Amino acid sequence: MKTAILLKDETLWDRIRSFSLDASGADFPFSKKLAKEENWTLDFTKKAIEEYKKFVYLCCILPNGASPSETVDKVWHMHLIYTQNYWEEFCPNILKRKLHHHPSKGGMIEKEKHQNWFTDTLKNYQEVFQQKAPEEIWGERKERAKRKSGLKRAAAFSPILILLLLYSCTEETGMGMFVTAVILGIIFIVGVITSNIRDNEASEHHKKDNQNNDGGGCSGGSSCSGGGCGGCGGGCGGCGGCGG
């Protein structure tokens, strides 16, 4: 469902946009600490903070909230560490509501759910701000999906390449076919075993992240209702609607 333009709150956006995450007079302010922690340039850090503010705005105005990019989520995590700034200034005075960040259960279903959520966030971003989300800040998930797709295609063609190699190197056709069948069988078995091992490792990784992650980490997705929002996934989940 499309987000109605009436959901826009210019007063809220003006407050968020004008809010500085850098404490006045600080020798090592938020932006410099974030840049150092993430090995970002100050210019990129400034852009990331601007996009974080847009994400927070979307969280507050959209019924189903929004899902951050990995870069935006890193800004959110850092802001949460500044507890006084976040909980005593930003939330009550700027947002005028609570914006919590909690991990969800994780797993493939949640991963797909939040990938769809992220796609919806990009669409809502363009509708609300009348421009596409900048690739350098919001493009990580799409690039990761492309890389995975490329690897899968390469893996799919590898047995064919092996088959052609064996035919070209074997004089006796019958023996070549036999050896090919054996090799392909081994590749299939190894592929199944490797896939299962990776799935188990991923599952264990999600479990460990969930145990260690109650606002400062990231592990699978999130949800939110009423006055508080959930937060973050393996690419992160997000904020699921934060009513006033």
C-alpha atoms as a PDB file:
ATOM      1  CA  MET A   1       0.000   0.000   0.000  1.00  0.00           C
ATOM      2  CA  LYS A   2       1.294   3.451  -0.884  1.00  0.00           C
ATOM      3  CA  THR A   3       2.105   5.865   1.906  1.00  0.00           C
ATOM      4  CA  ALA A   4      -0.231   8.850   1.782  1.00  0.00           C
ATOM      5  CA  ILE A   5       1.455  12.216   1.466  1.00  0.00           C
ATOM      6  CA  LEU A   6      -0.623  13.392   4.458  1.00  0.00           C
ATOM      7  CA  LEU A   7       1.652  11.342   6.702  1.00  0.00           C
ATOM      8  CA  LYS A   8       4.365  13.963   6.278  1.00  0.00           C
ATOM      9  CA  ASP A   9       5.098  16.059   9.352  1.00  0.00           C
ATOM     10  CA  GLU A  10       7.208  19.049   8.376  1.00  0.00           C
ATOM     11  CA  THR A  11       7.458  20.308  11.956  1.00  0.00           C
ATOM     12  CA  LEU A  12       8.877  16.986  13.118  1.00  0.00           C
ATOM     13  CA  TRP A  13      11.285  16.878  10.193  1.00  0.00           C
ATOM     14  CA  ASP A  14      12.520  20.399  10.934  1.00  0.00           C
ATOM     15  CA  ARG A  15      13.242  19.397  14.539  1.00  0.00           C
ATOM     16  CA  ILE A  16      15.102  16.236  13.491  1.00  0.00           C
ATOM     17  CA  ARG A  17      17.072  17.969  10.749  1.00  0.00           C
ATOM     18  CA  SER A  18      18.139  20.808  13.060  1.00  0.00           C
ATOM     19  CA  PHE A  19      19.218  18.524  15.904  1.00  0.00           C
ATOM     20  CA  SER A  20      22.996  18.164  16.267  1.00  0.00           C
ATOM     21  CA  LEU A  21      24.435  14.867  17.434  1.00  0.00           C
ATOM     22  CA  ASP A  22      27.669  16.686  18.290  1.00  0.00           C
ATOM     23  CA  ALA A  23      27.691  18.166  21.779  1.00  0.00           C
ATOM     24  CA  SER A  24      28.751  21.807  21.718  1.00  0.00           C
ATOM     25  CA  GLY A  25      32.283  22.311  22.982  1.00  0.00           C
ATOM     26  CA  ALA A  26      33.181  18.601  22.868  1.00  0.00           C
ATOM     27  CA  ASP A  27      36.832  17.916  22.012  1.00  0.00           C
ATOM     28  CA  PHE A  28      35.934  14.592  20.391  1.00  0.00           C
ATOM     29  CA  PRO A  29      32.302  14.926  19.257  1.00  0.00           C
ATOM     30  CA  PHE A  30      29.937  12.231  18.015  1.00  0.00           C
ATOM     31  CA  SER A  31      30.753  12.678  14.327  1.00  0.00           C
ATOM     32  CA  LYS A  32      34.512  12.360  14.827  1.00  0.00           C
ATOM     33  CA  LYS A  33      34.118   9.324  17.054  1.00  0.00           C
ATOM     34  CA  LEU A  34      31.828   7.685  14.500  1.00  0.00           C
ATOM     35  CA  ALA A  35      34.267   8.444  11.679  1.00  0.00           C
ATOM     36  CA  LYS A  36      37.144   6.940  13.645  1.00  0.00           C
ATOM     37  CA  GLU A  37      35.206   3.843  14.737  1.00  0.00           C
ATOM     38  CA  GLU A  38      34.009   3.056  11.205  1.00  0.00           C
ATOM     39  CA  ASN A  39      37.090   4.348   9.363  1.00  0.00           C
ATOM     40  CA  TRP A  40      34.961   6.847   7.425  1.00  0.00           C
ATOM     41  CA  THR A  41      35.929  10.248   6.097  1.00  0.00           C
ATOM     42  CA  LEU A  42      34.318  13.204   7.853  1.00  0.00           C
ATOM     43  CA  ASP A  43      32.439  14.048   4.660  1.00  0.00           C
ATOM     44  CA  PHE A  44      30.986  10.536   4.383  1.00  0.00           C
ATOM     45  CA  THR A  45      30.159  10.588   8.106  1.00  0.00           C
ATOM     46  CA  LYS A  46      28.228  13.824   7.660  1.00  0.00           C
ATOM     47  CA  LYS A  47      26.202  12.244   4.839  1.00  0.00           C
ATOM     48  CA  ALA A  48      25.571   9.114   6.918  1.00  0.00           C
ATOM     49  CA  ILE A  49      24.237  11.205   9.807  1.00  0.00           C
ATOM     50  CA  GLU A  50      21.949  13.116   7.443  1.00  0.00           C
ATOM     51  CA  GLU A  51      20.558   9.835   6.121  1.00  0.00           C
ATOM     52  CA  TYR A  52      20.151   8.515   9.668  1.00  0.00           C
ATOM     53  CA  LYS A  53      17.948  11.505  10.432  1.00  0.00           C
ATOM     54  CA  LYS A  54      15.841  10.738   7.368  1.00  0.00           C
ATOM     55  CA  PHE A  55      15.527   7.133   8.502  1.00  0.00           C
ATOM     56  CA  VAL A  56      14.361   8.228  11.952  1.00  0.00           C
ATOM     57  CA  TYR A  57      11.814  10.534  10.339  1.00  0.00           C
ATOM     58  CA  LEU A  58      10.474   7.647   8.242  1.00  0.00           C
ATOM     59  CA  CYS A  59      10.258   5.509  11.381  1.00  0.00           C
ATOM     60  CA  CYS A  60       8.052   8.115  12.965  1.00  0.00           C
ATOM     61  CA  ILE A  61       5.685   8.896  10.086  1.00  0.00           C
ATOM     62  CA  LEU A  62       5.178   5.506   8.418  1.00  0.00           C
ATOM     63  CA  PRO A  63       2.649   3.077   9.945  1.00  0.00           C
ATOM     64  CA  ASN A  64       5.034   0.144   9.474  1.00  0.00           C
ATOM     65  CA  GLY A  65       8.182   2.080  10.222  1.00  0.00           C
ATOM     66  CA  ALA A  66      11.361   1.739   8.183  1.00  0.00           C
ATOM     67  CA  SER A  67      14.381  -0.501   7.759  1.00  0.00           C
ATOM     68  CA  PRO A  68      17.889   1.056   7.742  1.00  0.00           C
ATOM     69  CA  SER A  69      20.847   0.304   5.533  1.00  0.00           C
ATOM     70  CA  GLU A  70      23.961  -1.080   7.205  1.00  0.00           C
ATOM     71  CA  THR A  71      25.574   2.367   7.188  1.00  0.00           C
ATOM     72  CA  VAL A  72      22.527   4.077   8.680  1.00  0.00           C
ATOM     73  CA  ASP A  73      22.258   1.381  11.321  1.00  0.00           C
ATOM     74  CA  LYS A  74      25.866   1.975  12.387  1.00  0.00           C
ATOM     75  CA  VAL A  75      24.986   5.612  13.046  1.00  0.00           C
ATOM     76  CA  TRP A  76      21.930   4.485  15.019  1.00  0.00           C
ATOM     77  CA  HIS A  77      23.986   2.099  17.134  1.00  0.00           C
ATOM     78  CA  MET A  78      26.525   4.801  17.909  1.00  0.00           C
ATOM     79  CA  HIS A  79      23.773   7.259  18.836  1.00  0.00           C
ATOM     80  CA  LEU A  80      22.303   4.727  21.259  1.00  0.00           C
ATOM     81  CA  ILE A  81      25.653   4.576  23.051  1.00  0.00           C
ATOM     82  CA  TYR A  82      25.274   8.287  23.787  1.00  0.00           C
ATOM     83  CA  THR A  83      22.439   7.453  26.160  1.00  0.00           C
ATOM     84  CA  GLN A  84      21.884  10.912  27.621  1.00  0.00           C
ATOM     85  CA  ASN A  85      21.764  12.578  24.217  1.00  0.00           C
ATOM     86  CA  TYR A  86      19.509   9.874  22.796  1.00  0.00           C
ATOM     87  CA  TRP A  87      17.081   9.196  25.663  1.00  0.00           C
ATOM     88  CA  GLU A  88      17.001  12.551  27.461  1.00  0.00           C
ATOM     89  CA  GLU A  89      17.216  14.943  24.524  1.00  0.00           C
ATOM     90  CA  PHE A  90      16.566  13.349  21.149  1.00  0.00           C
ATOM     91  CA  CYS A  91      13.591  11.116  21.938  1.00  0.00           C
ATOM     92  CA  PRO A  92      11.571  13.301  24.354  1.00  0.00           C
ATOM     93  CA  ASN A  93      12.370  16.746  22.940  1.00  0.00           C
ATOM     94  CA  ILE A  94      12.863  16.125  19.224  1.00  0.00           C
ATOM     95  CA  LEU A  95      10.855  13.006  18.380  1.00  0.00           C
ATOM     96  CA  LYS A  96       8.465  13.404  21.322  1.00  0.00           C
ATOM     97  CA  ARG A  97       8.235   9.609  21.507  1.00  0.00           C
ATOM     98  CA  LYS A  98      10.467   6.630  22.326  1.00  0.00           C
ATOM     99  CA  LEU A  99      12.435   4.928  19.589  1.00  0.00           C
ATOM    100  CA  HIS A 100      13.804   1.600  20.842  1.00  0.00           C
ATOM    101  CA  HIS A 101      16.216  -0.680  19.051  1.00  0.00           C
ATOM    102  CA  HIS A 102      15.782  -4.425  19.679  1.00  0.00           C
ATOM    103  CA  PRO A 103      16.861  -7.524  17.730  1.00  0.00           C
ATOM    104  CA  SER A 104      14.291 -10.065  16.593  1.00  0.00           C
ATOM    105  CA  LYS A 105      14.451 -13.849  16.317  1.00  0.00           C
ATOM    106  CA  GLY A 106      16.424 -14.010  13.075  1.00  0.00           C
ATOM    107  CA  GLY A 107      16.272 -16.867  10.579  1.00  0.00           C
ATOM    108  CA  MET A 108      15.587 -17.087   6.850  1.00  0.00           C
ATOM    109  CA  ILE A 109      11.926 -16.090   7.096  1.00  0.00           C
ATOM    110  CA  GLU A 110      12.811 -12.978   9.090  1.00  0.00           C
ATOM    111  CA  LYS A 111      15.663 -12.209   6.695  1.00  0.00           C
ATOM    112  CA  GLU A 112      13.339 -12.294   3.691  1.00  0.00           C
ATOM    113  CA  LYS A 113      10.717 -10.289   5.572  1.00  0.00           C
ATOM    114  CA  HIS A 114      13.171  -7.526   6.386  1.00  0.00           C
ATOM    115  CA  GLN A 115      14.660  -7.521   2.904  1.00  0.00           C
ATOM    116  CA  ASN A 116      11.154  -6.795   1.609  1.00  0.00           C
ATOM    117  CA  TRP A 117      10.776  -4.201   4.352  1.00  0.00           C
ATOM    118  CA  PHE A 118      14.005  -2.554   3.240  1.00  0.00           C
ATOM    119  CA  THR A 119      12.762  -2.437  -0.359  1.00  0.00           C
ATOM    120  CA  ASP A 120       9.555  -0.755   0.839  1.00  0.00           C
ATOM    121  CA  THR A 121      11.648   1.709   2.833  1.00  0.00           C
ATOM    122  CA  LEU A 122      13.516   2.779  -0.301  1.00  0.00           C
ATOM    123  CA  LYS A 123      10.216   3.303  -2.124  1.00  0.00           C
ATOM    124  CA  ASN A 124       8.808   5.342   0.763  1.00  0.00           C
ATOM    125  CA  TYR A 125      12.050   7.311   0.975  1.00  0.00           C
ATOM    126  CA  GLN A 126      11.720   8.388  -2.645  1.00  0.00           C
ATOM    127  CA  GLU A 127       8.073   9.312  -2.202  1.00  0.00           C
ATOM    128  CA  VAL A 128       8.591  11.305   0.989  1.00  0.00           C
ATOM    129  CA  PHE A 129      11.850  13.074   0.100  1.00  0.00           C
ATOM    130  CA  GLN A 130      11.176  13.278  -3.654  1.00  0.00           C
ATOM    131  CA  GLN A 131      14.547  11.748  -4.509  1.00  0.00           C
ATOM    132  CA  LYS A 132      16.187   8.344  -4.553  1.00  0.00           C
ATOM    133  CA  ALA A 133      18.130   7.213  -1.501  1.00  0.00           C
ATOM    134  CA  PRO A 134      21.863   7.767  -2.179  1.00  0.00           C
ATOM    135  CA  GLU A 135      23.585   4.540  -3.235  1.00  0.00           C
ATOM    136  CA  GLU A 136      26.721   5.154  -1.168  1.00  0.00           C
ATOM    137  CA  ILE A 137      24.629   5.134   2.024  1.00  0.00           C
ATOM    138  CA  TRP A 138      21.694   2.863   1.185  1.00  0.00           C
ATOM    139  CA  GLY A 139      23.100   0.534  -1.475  1.00  0.00           C
ATOM    140  CA  GLU A 140      24.901  -2.163   0.562  1.00  0.00           C
ATOM    141  CA  ARG A 141      22.124  -4.757   0.566  1.00  0.00           C
ATOM    142  CA  LYS A 142      21.581  -4.580  -3.171  1.00  0.00           C
ATOM    143  CA  GLU A 143      25.307  -4.955  -3.845  1.00  0.00           C
ATOM    144  CA  ARG A 144      25.519  -7.915  -1.472  1.00  0.00           C
ATOM    145  CA  ALA A 145      22.579  -9.575  -3.219  1.00  0.00           C
ATOM    146  CA  LYS A 146      24.276  -9.091  -6.601  1.00  0.00           C
ATOM    147  CA  ARG A 147      27.511 -10.644  -5.334  1.00  0.00           C
ATOM    148  CA  LYS A 148      25.665 -13.655  -3.940  1.00  0.00           C
ATOM    149  CA  SER A 149      23.762 -14.078  -7.188  1.00  0.00           C
ATOM    150  CA  GLY A 150      27.009 -14.012  -9.157  1.00  0.00           C
ATOM    151  CA  LEU A 151      28.568 -16.665  -6.936  1.00  0.00           C
ATOM    152  CA  LYS A 152      25.522 -18.890  -7.307  1.00  0.00           C
ATOM    153  CA  ARG A 153      25.657 -18.617 -11.087  1.00  0.00           C
ATOM    154  CA  ALA A 154      29.352 -19.467 -11.090  1.00  0.00           C
ATOM    155  CA  ALA A 155      28.703 -22.484  -8.864  1.00  0.00           C
ATOM    156  CA  ALA A 156      25.921 -23.671 -11.172  1.00  0.00           C
ATOM    157  CA  PHE A 157      28.203 -23.644 -14.208  1.00  0.00           C
ATOM    158  CA  SER A 158      31.226 -25.255 -12.539  1.00  0.00           C
ATOM    159  CA  PRO A 159      30.066 -28.886 -13.104  1.00  0.00           C
ATOM    160  CA  ILE A 160      29.615 -28.149 -16.812  1.00  0.00           C
ATOM    161  CA  LEU A 161      33.132 -26.760 -17.037  1.00  0.00           C
ATOM    162  CA  ILE A 162      34.511 -29.849 -15.317  1.00  0.00           C
ATOM    163  CA  LEU A 163      32.536 -32.070 -17.682  1.00  0.00           C
ATOM    164  CA  LEU A 164      33.983 -30.340 -20.741  1.00  0.00           C
ATOM    165  CA  LEU A 165      37.472 -30.544 -19.287  1.00  0.00           C
ATOM    166  CA  LEU A 166      37.189 -34.279 -18.707  1.00  0.00           C
ATOM    167  CA  TYR A 167      35.892 -34.937 -22.212  1.00  0.00           C
ATOM    168  CA  SER A 168      38.718 -32.954 -23.714  1.00  0.00           C
ATOM    169  CA  CYS A 169      41.364 -34.809 -21.694  1.00  0.00           C
ATOM    170  CA  THR A 170      40.065 -38.404 -21.940  1.00  0.00           C
ATOM    171  CA  GLU A 171      40.699 -40.508 -25.031  1.00  0.00           C
ATOM    172  CA  GLU A 172      38.165 -43.223 -24.234  1.00  0.00           C
ATOM    173  CA  THR A 173      34.649 -41.814 -24.281  1.00  0.00           C
ATOM    174  CA  GLY A 174      33.216 -44.512 -22.028  1.00  0.00           C
ATOM    175  CA  MET A 175      35.870 -43.997 -19.389  1.00  0.00           C
ATOM    176  CA  GLY A 176      35.443 -40.240 -19.677  1.00  0.00           C
ATOM    177  CA  MET A 177      31.715 -40.479 -18.983  1.00  0.00           C
ATOM    178  CA  PHE A 178      32.314 -42.782 -16.029  1.00  0.00           C
ATOM    179  CA  VAL A 179      34.891 -40.466 -14.484  1.00  0.00           C
ATOM    180  CA  THR A 180      32.632 -37.491 -15.162  1.00  0.00           C
ATOM    181  CA  ALA A 181      29.694 -39.144 -13.394  1.00  0.00           C
ATOM    182  CA  VAL A 182      31.875 -39.931 -10.379  1.00  0.00           C
ATOM    183  CA  ILE A 183      33.248 -36.388 -10.192  1.00  0.00           C
ATOM    184  CA  LEU A 184      29.807 -34.806 -10.520  1.00  0.00           C
ATOM    185  CA  GLY A 185      28.471 -37.103  -7.805  1.00  0.00           C
ATOM    186  CA  ILE A 186      31.288 -36.058  -5.485  1.00  0.00           C
ATOM    187  CA  ILE A 187      30.688 -32.377  -6.265  1.00  0.00           C
ATOM    188  CA  PHE A 188      26.978 -32.749  -5.515  1.00  0.00           C
ATOM    189  CA  ILE A 189      27.590 -34.499  -2.185  1.00  0.00           C
ATOM    190  CA  VAL A 190      30.248 -31.992  -1.130  1.00  0.00           C
ATOM    191  CA  GLY A 191      27.931 -29.136  -2.120  1.00  0.00           C
ATOM    192  CA  VAL A 192      25.080 -30.487   0.011  1.00  0.00           C
ATOM    193  CA  ILE A 193      27.363 -31.034   3.010  1.00  0.00           C
ATOM    194  CA  THR A 194      28.928 -27.580   2.666  1.00  0.00           C
ATOM    195  CA  SER A 195      25.512 -25.939   2.374  1.00  0.00           C
ATOM    196  CA  ASN A 196      24.286 -27.669   5.536  1.00  0.00           C
ATOM    197  CA  ILE A 197      27.420 -26.671   7.437  1.00  0.00           C
ATOM    198  CA  ARG A 198      27.041 -23.034   6.385  1.00  0.00           C
ATOM    199  CA  ASP A 199      23.371 -23.013   7.330  1.00  0.00           C
ATOM    200  CA  ASN A 200      24.226 -24.370  10.782  1.00  0.00           C
ATOM    201  CA  GLU A 201      27.010 -21.819  11.225  1.00  0.00           C
ATOM    202  CA  ALA A 202      24.668 -19.018  10.189  1.00  0.00           C
ATOM    203  CA  SER A 203      22.059 -20.257  12.656  1.00  0.00           C
ATOM    204  CA  GLU A 204      24.603 -20.344  15.479  1.00  0.00           C
ATOM    205  CA  HIS A 205      25.819 -16.891  14.511  1.00  0.00           C
ATOM    206  CA  HIS A 206      22.255 -15.522  14.718  1.00  0.00           C
ATOM    207  CA  LYS A 207      21.780 -17.114  18.134  1.00  0.00           C
ATOM    208  CA  LYS A 208      24.997 -15.607  19.492  1.00  0.00           C
ATOM    209  CA  ASP A 209      24.122 -12.200  18.079  1.00  0.00           C
ATOM    210  CA  ASN A 210      20.677 -12.321  19.659  1.00  0.00           C
ATOM    211  CA  GLN A 211      22.198 -13.166  23.042  1.00  0.00           C
ATOM    212  CA  ASN A 212      24.718 -10.339  22.859  1.00  0.00           C
ATOM    213  CA  ASN A 213      22.476  -7.775  21.263  1.00  0.00           C
ATOM    214  CA  ASP A 214      19.905  -5.686  23.123  1.00  0.00           C
ATOM    215  CA  GLY A 215      20.440  -2.330  21.487  1.00  0.00           C
ATOM    216  CA  GLY A 216      24.171  -2.223  20.911  1.00  0.00           C
ATOM    217  CA  GLY A 217      24.428  -4.982  18.323  1.00  0.00           C
ATOM    218  CA  CYS A 218      22.732  -6.273  15.229  1.00  0.00           C
ATOM    219  CA  SER A 219      21.261  -9.691  14.537  1.00  0.00           C
ATOM    220  CA  GLY A 220      18.299 -10.350  12.404  1.00  0.00           C
ATOM    221  CA  GLY A 221      15.511  -7.844  12.128  1.00  0.00           C
ATOM    222  CA  SER A 222      13.115  -6.017  14.318  1.00  0.00           C
ATOM    223  CA  SER A 223       9.626  -4.873  15.022  1.00  0.00           C
ATOM    224  CA  CYS A 224       7.879  -2.123  16.872  1.00  0.00           C
ATOM    225  CA  SER A 225       4.487  -1.045  18.091  1.00  0.00           C
ATOM    226  CA  GLY A 226       2.948   1.713  20.132  1.00  0.00           C
ATOM    227  CA  GLY A 227       5.454   4.126  21.633  1.00  0.00           C
ATOM    228  CA  GLY A 228       8.586   2.084  21.070  1.00  0.00           C
ATOM    229  CA  CYS A 229      10.369   0.671  18.066  1.00  0.00           C
ATOM    230  CA  GLY A 230      12.439  -2.354  17.349  1.00  0.00           C
ATOM    231  CA  GLY A 231      15.717  -2.417  15.624  1.00  0.00           C
ATOM    232  CA  CYS A 232      18.245  -4.411  13.792  1.00  0.00           C
ATOM    233  CA  GLY A 233      19.126  -7.220  11.510  1.00  0.00           C
ATOM    234  CA  GLY A 234      22.000  -8.977   9.876  1.00  0.00           C
ATOM    235  CA  GLY A 235      21.618  -6.209   7.443  1.00  0.00           C
ATOM    236  CA  CYS A 236      19.427  -4.566   9.986  1.00  0.00           C
ATOM    237  CA  GLY A 237      15.684  -4.868  10.576  1.00  0.00           C
ATOM    238  CA  GLY A 238      14.549  -1.401  11.519  1.00  0.00           C
ATOM    239  CA  CYS A 239      11.815   0.497  13.255  1.00  0.00           C
ATOM    240  CA  GLY A 240       8.320  -0.840  12.817  1.00  0.00           C
ATOM    241  CA  GLY A 241       6.163   2.220  13.274  1.00  0.00           C
ATOM    242  CA  CYS A 242       6.414   4.438  16.306  1.00  0.00           C
ATOM    243  CA  GLY A 243       3.174   6.211  16.897  1.00  0.00           C
ATOM    244  CA  GLY A 244       3.192   9.482  18.762  1.00  0.00           C
END
